Amino acid sequence: MDVIAVVASARRKGLVSAMAQRVLDGAAGTGHQVELVNLYDYHLEYCRGCWACRREGRCILQDDFNMLFDKVVAADALVLAAPVYWCNVPGVMKTFFDRHCGAHRDWSQPKLVPFYRLNWPPVREDMRKKRAVLLLACTVPGPFDRVFLGDSRKAERAMRSYTHMLEMKVAGKLVFNDTLRPESVARREDRFMDRAYRMGTRL
């Protein structure tokens, strides 16, 4: 399989990047082709809601998105990795999600008729049934990051909305919380990296 990790972290040697790389290491160890792309290395304009992608089959904005989109289309599995910013994924990842807009649907096919998807054609066949791994790093300690403040839970929801729209199967999730305290990170880092590696081997 081809496995691509989409990372949204300005810290290229931080926890998020390290977890994503460990997932890829595990996948590579079982014979898969892997690639890591950091969204901060690419120029991504904001979606303008023009819906030209409905007519053209891809976004018409002249930046790096279509190159990234082609990588997602070609991949068999996707790793989404991001820190938690203000109870959500960073803006660059949300922009990446937004830019899929209508390009992920096959507009040449008949529209679906169920009431909850009225007037929407099906997801493109080459984008469906991919496997996904979700990775997050959050400064809030557990269980506050999920139960009370809900920071990581809300960021995870954004990732799951993306995978749901593309009809992907979430094969694994890893949330490294309490990242603001170095002693907490040091105590658990090896364990989390091992878990990330094992997730990669199961793709």
C-alpha atoms as a PDB file:
ATOM      1  CA  MET A   1       0.000   0.000   0.000  1.00  0.00           C
ATOM      2  CA  ASP A   2       0.899   3.651  -0.304  1.00  0.00           C
ATOM      3  CA  VAL A   3       0.676   5.445   3.045  1.00  0.00           C
ATOM      4  CA  ILE A   4       0.873   9.230   3.307  1.00  0.00           C
ATOM      5  CA  ALA A   5       1.116  11.224   6.526  1.00  0.00           C
ATOM      6  CA  VAL A   6      -0.390  14.716   6.394  1.00  0.00           C
ATOM      7  CA  VAL A   7       1.186  16.688   9.230  1.00  0.00           C
ATOM      8  CA  ALA A   8       0.023  20.130  10.389  1.00  0.00           C
ATOM      9  CA  SER A   9       2.758  21.140  12.796  1.00  0.00           C
ATOM     10  CA  ALA A  10       5.246  23.985  12.519  1.00  0.00           C
ATOM     11  CA  ARG A  11       7.509  21.999  14.861  1.00  0.00           C
ATOM     12  CA  ARG A  12       9.115  19.601  12.440  1.00  0.00           C
ATOM     13  CA  LYS A  13      10.958  17.820  15.252  1.00  0.00           C
ATOM     14  CA  GLY A  14       8.094  17.969  17.735  1.00  0.00           C
ATOM     15  CA  LEU A  15       5.851  15.252  19.130  1.00  0.00           C
ATOM     16  CA  VAL A  16       3.303  15.380  16.317  1.00  0.00           C
ATOM     17  CA  SER A  17       5.919  14.949  13.598  1.00  0.00           C
ATOM     18  CA  ALA A  18       7.649  12.214  15.597  1.00  0.00           C
ATOM     19  CA  MET A  19       4.424  10.237  16.084  1.00  0.00           C
ATOM     20  CA  ALA A  20       3.580  10.517  12.389  1.00  0.00           C
ATOM     21  CA  GLN A  21       7.052   9.320  11.443  1.00  0.00           C
ATOM     22  CA  ARG A  22       6.775   6.349  13.789  1.00  0.00           C
ATOM     23  CA  VAL A  23       3.498   5.300  12.171  1.00  0.00           C
ATOM     24  CA  LEU A  24       5.228   5.503   8.791  1.00  0.00           C
ATOM     25  CA  ASP A  25       8.191   3.526  10.141  1.00  0.00           C
ATOM     26  CA  GLY A  26       5.840   0.782  11.201  1.00  0.00           C
ATOM     27  CA  ALA A  27       4.108   0.800   7.818  1.00  0.00           C
ATOM     28  CA  ALA A  28       7.429   0.757   5.959  1.00  0.00           C
ATOM     29  CA  GLY A  29       8.554  -2.146   8.113  1.00  0.00           C
ATOM     30  CA  THR A  30       5.727  -4.255   6.708  1.00  0.00           C
ATOM     31  CA  GLY A  31       6.530  -3.362   3.108  1.00  0.00           C
ATOM     32  CA  HIS A  32       4.332  -0.320   2.459  1.00  0.00           C
ATOM     33  CA  GLN A  33       5.489   2.750   0.532  1.00  0.00           C
ATOM     34  CA  VAL A  34       5.399   5.801   2.795  1.00  0.00           C
ATOM     35  CA  GLU A  35       5.636   9.574   2.513  1.00  0.00           C
ATOM     36  CA  LEU A  36       5.344  12.421   5.025  1.00  0.00           C
ATOM     37  CA  VAL A  37       4.124  15.850   3.937  1.00  0.00           C
ATOM     38  CA  ASN A  38       3.998  18.824   6.270  1.00  0.00           C
ATOM     39  CA  LEU A  39       1.305  21.309   5.276  1.00  0.00           C
ATOM     40  CA  TYR A  40       3.495  24.169   6.483  1.00  0.00           C
ATOM     41  CA  ASP A  41       5.832  23.433   3.566  1.00  0.00           C
ATOM     42  CA  TYR A  42       3.114  24.174   0.997  1.00  0.00           C
ATOM     43  CA  HIS A  43       1.184  27.204  -0.160  1.00  0.00           C
ATOM     44  CA  LEU A  44      -2.539  26.725   0.459  1.00  0.00           C
ATOM     45  CA  GLU A  45      -5.080  29.445  -0.274  1.00  0.00           C
ATOM     46  CA  TYR A  46      -8.374  29.523   1.589  1.00  0.00           C
ATOM     47  CA  CYS A  47     -11.369  27.887  -0.083  1.00  0.00           C
ATOM     48  CA  ARG A  48     -13.517  30.558  -1.756  1.00  0.00           C
ATOM     49  CA  GLY A  49     -16.695  28.506  -2.016  1.00  0.00           C
ATOM     50  CA  CYS A  50     -16.846  29.083  -5.781  1.00  0.00           C
ATOM     51  CA  TRP A  51     -17.782  25.458  -6.530  1.00  0.00           C
ATOM     52  CA  ALA A  52     -15.740  25.454  -9.736  1.00  0.00           C
ATOM     53  CA  CYS A  53     -14.487  22.066  -8.532  1.00  0.00           C
ATOM     54  CA  ARG A  54     -17.966  20.745  -9.319  1.00  0.00           C
ATOM     55  CA  ARG A  55     -17.458  21.658 -12.962  1.00  0.00           C
ATOM     56  CA  GLU A  56     -13.739  20.952 -13.299  1.00  0.00           C
ATOM     57  CA  GLY A  57     -13.381  17.938 -10.996  1.00  0.00           C
ATOM     58  CA  ARG A  58     -10.592  19.664  -9.061  1.00  0.00           C
ATOM     59  CA  CYS A  59      -9.850  23.012  -7.432  1.00  0.00           C
ATOM     60  CA  ILE A  60      -9.079  25.864  -9.829  1.00  0.00           C
ATOM     61  CA  LEU A  61      -6.970  27.907  -7.388  1.00  0.00           C
ATOM     62  CA  GLN A  62      -3.346  28.084  -8.445  1.00  0.00           C
ATOM     63  CA  ASP A  63      -1.396  26.851  -5.437  1.00  0.00           C
ATOM     64  CA  ASP A  64      -0.116  23.547  -4.060  1.00  0.00           C
ATOM     65  CA  PHE A  65      -3.421  21.975  -3.102  1.00  0.00           C
ATOM     66  CA  ASN A  66      -4.013  19.892  -6.232  1.00  0.00           C
ATOM     67  CA  MET A  67      -0.590  18.276  -5.823  1.00  0.00           C
ATOM     68  CA  LEU A  68      -1.519  17.309  -2.255  1.00  0.00           C
ATOM     69  CA  PHE A  69      -4.988  16.229  -3.346  1.00  0.00           C
ATOM     70  CA  ASP A  70      -3.450  13.882  -5.934  1.00  0.00           C
ATOM     71  CA  LYS A  71      -1.320  12.328  -3.203  1.00  0.00           C
ATOM     72  CA  VAL A  72      -4.431  11.676  -1.106  1.00  0.00           C
ATOM     73  CA  VAL A  73      -6.209  10.151  -4.099  1.00  0.00           C
ATOM     74  CA  ALA A  74      -3.269   7.846  -4.838  1.00  0.00           C
ATOM     75  CA  ALA A  75      -2.784   6.726  -1.225  1.00  0.00           C
ATOM     76  CA  ASP A  76      -4.336   3.618   0.279  1.00  0.00           C
ATOM     77  CA  ALA A  77      -4.000   4.883   3.845  1.00  0.00           C
ATOM     78  CA  LEU A  78      -3.780   8.332   5.389  1.00  0.00           C
ATOM     79  CA  VAL A  79      -2.223   9.522   8.642  1.00  0.00           C
ATOM     80  CA  LEU A  80      -3.611  12.823   9.936  1.00  0.00           C
ATOM     81  CA  ALA A  81      -1.355  14.407  12.542  1.00  0.00           C
ATOM     82  CA  ALA A  82      -1.784  17.755  14.288  1.00  0.00           C
ATOM     83  CA  PRO A  83      -1.444  19.611  17.568  1.00  0.00           C
ATOM     84  CA  VAL A  84      -4.617  20.899  19.199  1.00  0.00           C
ATOM     85  CA  TYR A  85      -5.096  24.645  18.760  1.00  0.00           C
ATOM     86  CA  TRP A  86      -8.041  26.260  20.549  1.00  0.00           C
ATOM     87  CA  CYS A  87     -10.104  23.041  20.695  1.00  0.00           C
ATOM     88  CA  ASN A  88      -9.524  22.297  17.020  1.00  0.00           C
ATOM     89  CA  VAL A  89      -6.943  21.346  14.435  1.00  0.00           C
ATOM     90  CA  PRO A  90      -4.595  24.132  13.251  1.00  0.00           C
ATOM     91  CA  GLY A  91      -5.906  26.476  10.583  1.00  0.00           C
ATOM     92  CA  VAL A  92      -3.648  25.021   7.893  1.00  0.00           C
ATOM     93  CA  MET A  93      -5.213  21.574   8.328  1.00  0.00           C
ATOM     94  CA  LYS A  94      -8.731  23.006   8.366  1.00  0.00           C
ATOM     95  CA  THR A  95      -7.886  24.820   5.119  1.00  0.00           C
ATOM     96  CA  PHE A  96      -6.649  21.515   3.698  1.00  0.00           C
ATOM     97  CA  PHE A  97      -9.988  19.932   4.639  1.00  0.00           C
ATOM     98  CA  ASP A  98     -11.979  22.859   3.233  1.00  0.00           C
ATOM     99  CA  ARG A  99     -10.237  22.729  -0.105  1.00  0.00           C
ATOM    100  CA  HIS A 100     -11.558  19.224  -0.794  1.00  0.00           C
ATOM    101  CA  CYS A 101     -14.973  20.913  -1.078  1.00  0.00           C
ATOM    102  CA  GLY A 102     -16.703  19.245  -4.061  1.00  0.00           C
ATOM    103  CA  ALA A 103     -13.552  17.750  -5.607  1.00  0.00           C
ATOM    104  CA  HIS A 104     -13.981  14.524  -3.634  1.00  0.00           C
ATOM    105  CA  ARG A 105     -17.318  13.713  -5.290  1.00  0.00           C
ATOM    106  CA  ASP A 106     -18.001  12.175  -8.693  1.00  0.00           C
ATOM    107  CA  TRP A 107     -20.257  14.728 -10.339  1.00  0.00           C
ATOM    108  CA  SER A 108     -20.709  12.550 -13.446  1.00  0.00           C
ATOM    109  CA  GLN A 109     -22.687  10.005 -11.411  1.00  0.00           C
ATOM    110  CA  PRO A 110     -26.413  10.199 -10.608  1.00  0.00           C
ATOM    111  CA  LYS A 111     -27.295  12.139  -7.492  1.00  0.00           C
ATOM    112  CA  LEU A 112     -28.127  10.256  -4.337  1.00  0.00           C
ATOM    113  CA  VAL A 113     -31.742  10.192  -3.307  1.00  0.00           C
ATOM    114  CA  PRO A 114     -31.815   9.546   0.478  1.00  0.00           C
ATOM    115  CA  PHE A 115     -33.177  12.644   2.192  1.00  0.00           C
ATOM    116  CA  TYR A 116     -30.039  13.171   4.263  1.00  0.00           C
ATOM    117  CA  ARG A 117     -27.802  13.379   1.158  1.00  0.00           C
ATOM    118  CA  LEU A 118     -30.224  14.883  -1.310  1.00  0.00           C
ATOM    119  CA  ASN A 119     -28.639  16.360  -4.457  1.00  0.00           C
ATOM    120  CA  TRP A 120     -25.179  15.026  -3.616  1.00  0.00           C
ATOM    121  CA  PRO A 121     -23.397  12.602  -5.961  1.00  0.00           C
ATOM    122  CA  PRO A 122     -21.329   9.762  -4.457  1.00  0.00           C
ATOM    123  CA  VAL A 123     -17.766  10.094  -3.218  1.00  0.00           C
ATOM    124  CA  ARG A 124     -15.219   9.381  -5.932  1.00  0.00           C
ATOM    125  CA  GLU A 125     -14.396   5.684  -6.097  1.00  0.00           C
ATOM    126  CA  ASP A 126     -10.649   6.347  -5.904  1.00  0.00           C
ATOM    127  CA  MET A 127     -11.114   8.197  -2.600  1.00  0.00           C
ATOM    128  CA  ARG A 128     -13.362   5.734  -0.784  1.00  0.00           C
ATOM    129  CA  LYS A 129     -12.469   2.921   1.632  1.00  0.00           C
ATOM    130  CA  LYS A 130      -9.051   4.230   2.582  1.00  0.00           C
ATOM    131  CA  ARG A 131      -7.745   3.534   6.069  1.00  0.00           C
ATOM    132  CA  ALA A 132      -6.904   6.427   8.368  1.00  0.00           C
ATOM    133  CA  VAL A 133      -4.900   6.970  11.547  1.00  0.00           C
ATOM    134  CA  LEU A 134      -5.541  10.058  13.687  1.00  0.00           C
ATOM    135  CA  LEU A 135      -2.751  11.598  15.782  1.00  0.00           C
ATOM    136  CA  LEU A 136      -3.111  14.566  18.126  1.00  0.00           C
ATOM    137  CA  ALA A 137      -0.975  16.323  20.726  1.00  0.00           C
ATOM    138  CA  CYS A 138      -2.683  18.447  23.366  1.00  0.00           C
ATOM    139  CA  THR A 139      -1.282  20.582  26.186  1.00  0.00           C
ATOM    140  CA  VAL A 140      -4.279  19.900  28.456  1.00  0.00           C
ATOM    141  CA  PRO A 141      -3.786  16.894  30.792  1.00  0.00           C
ATOM    142  CA  GLY A 142      -6.223  14.027  30.797  1.00  0.00           C
ATOM    143  CA  PRO A 143      -9.026  13.523  31.424  1.00  0.00           C
ATOM    144  CA  PHE A 144      -9.660  17.266  31.087  1.00  0.00           C
ATOM    145  CA  ASP A 145      -8.609  17.239  27.421  1.00  0.00           C
ATOM    146  CA  ARG A 146     -11.607  15.030  26.639  1.00  0.00           C
ATOM    147  CA  VAL A 147     -14.225  15.054  29.380  1.00  0.00           C
ATOM    148  CA  PHE A 148     -14.375  18.576  30.767  1.00  0.00           C
ATOM    149  CA  LEU A 149     -12.659  21.085  28.478  1.00  0.00           C
ATOM    150  CA  GLY A 150     -12.905  18.764  25.509  1.00  0.00           C
ATOM    151  CA  ASP A 151      -9.939  20.245  23.609  1.00  0.00           C
ATOM    152  CA  SER A 152      -8.647  17.065  22.003  1.00  0.00           C
ATOM    153  CA  ARG A 153     -12.133  15.585  21.627  1.00  0.00           C
ATOM    154  CA  LYS A 154     -13.245  18.546  19.516  1.00  0.00           C
ATOM    155  CA  ALA A 155     -10.088  18.442  17.386  1.00  0.00           C
ATOM    156  CA  GLU A 156     -10.594  14.725  16.859  1.00  0.00           C
ATOM    157  CA  ARG A 157     -14.151  15.439  15.747  1.00  0.00           C
ATOM    158  CA  ALA A 158     -12.814  17.699  12.984  1.00  0.00           C
ATOM    159  CA  MET A 159     -10.557  14.904  11.753  1.00  0.00           C
ATOM    160  CA  ARG A 160     -13.346  12.357  11.944  1.00  0.00           C
ATOM    161  CA  SER A 161     -15.649  14.649   9.978  1.00  0.00           C
ATOM    162  CA  TYR A 162     -13.063  14.670   7.196  1.00  0.00           C
ATOM    163  CA  THR A 163     -12.659  10.887   7.208  1.00  0.00           C
ATOM    164  CA  HIS A 164     -16.435  10.443   7.356  1.00  0.00           C
ATOM    165  CA  MET A 165     -16.976  12.695   4.332  1.00  0.00           C
ATOM    166  CA  LEU A 166     -14.448  10.654   2.354  1.00  0.00           C
ATOM    167  CA  GLU A 167     -15.912   7.356   3.623  1.00  0.00           C
ATOM    168  CA  MET A 168     -12.615   6.294   5.175  1.00  0.00           C
ATOM    169  CA  LYS A 169     -12.253   3.739   7.951  1.00  0.00           C
ATOM    170  CA  VAL A 170     -10.454   5.028  11.052  1.00  0.00           C
ATOM    171  CA  ALA A 171      -7.989   2.264  11.898  1.00  0.00           C
ATOM    172  CA  GLY A 172      -6.367   3.921  14.893  1.00  0.00           C
ATOM    173  CA  LYS A 173      -6.196   7.012  17.104  1.00  0.00           C
ATOM    174  CA  LEU A 174      -3.534   8.335  19.421  1.00  0.00           C
ATOM    175  CA  VAL A 175      -3.825  11.446  21.610  1.00  0.00           C
ATOM    176  CA  PHE A 176      -0.696  12.573  23.470  1.00  0.00           C
ATOM    177  CA  ASN A 177      -2.034  14.924  26.157  1.00  0.00           C
ATOM    178  CA  ASP A 178      -0.353  16.945  28.907  1.00  0.00           C
ATOM    179  CA  THR A 179       2.428  18.023  26.542  1.00  0.00           C
ATOM    180  CA  LEU A 180       3.141  21.310  28.355  1.00  0.00           C
ATOM    181  CA  ARG A 181       5.014  19.572  31.143  1.00  0.00           C
ATOM    182  CA  PRO A 182       8.400  18.179  30.003  1.00  0.00           C
ATOM    183  CA  GLU A 183       8.500  15.621  32.815  1.00  0.00           C
ATOM    184  CA  SER A 184       5.106  14.245  31.742  1.00  0.00           C
ATOM    185  CA  VAL A 185       6.233  13.968  28.131  1.00  0.00           C
ATOM    186  CA  ALA A 186       9.521  12.302  29.042  1.00  0.00           C
ATOM    187  CA  ARG A 187       7.768   9.731  31.218  1.00  0.00           C
ATOM    188  CA  ARG A 188       5.391   8.604  28.438  1.00  0.00           C
ATOM    189  CA  GLU A 189       7.111   9.396  25.147  1.00  0.00           C
ATOM    190  CA  ASP A 190       8.657   5.972  24.520  1.00  0.00           C
ATOM    191  CA  ARG A 191       5.334   4.260  25.189  1.00  0.00           C
ATOM    192  CA  PHE A 192       3.471   6.535  22.786  1.00  0.00           C
ATOM    193  CA  MET A 193       6.074   6.111  20.063  1.00  0.00           C
ATOM    194  CA  ASP A 194       5.815   2.331  20.406  1.00  0.00           C
ATOM    195  CA  ARG A 195       2.052   2.549  20.075  1.00  0.00           C
ATOM    196  CA  ALA A 196       2.405   4.731  16.982  1.00  0.00           C
ATOM    197  CA  TYR A 197       4.795   2.217  15.429  1.00  0.00           C
ATOM    198  CA  ARG A 198       2.394  -0.655  16.085  1.00  0.00           C
ATOM    199  CA  MET A 199      -0.430   1.318  14.455  1.00  0.00           C
ATOM    200  CA  GLY A 200       1.708   1.566  11.353  1.00  0.00           C
ATOM    201  CA  THR A 201       2.333  -2.159  11.258  1.00  0.00           C
ATOM    202  CA  ARG A 202      -1.419  -2.804  11.323  1.00  0.00           C
ATOM    203  CA  LEU A 203      -2.246  -0.645   8.297  1.00  0.00           C
END
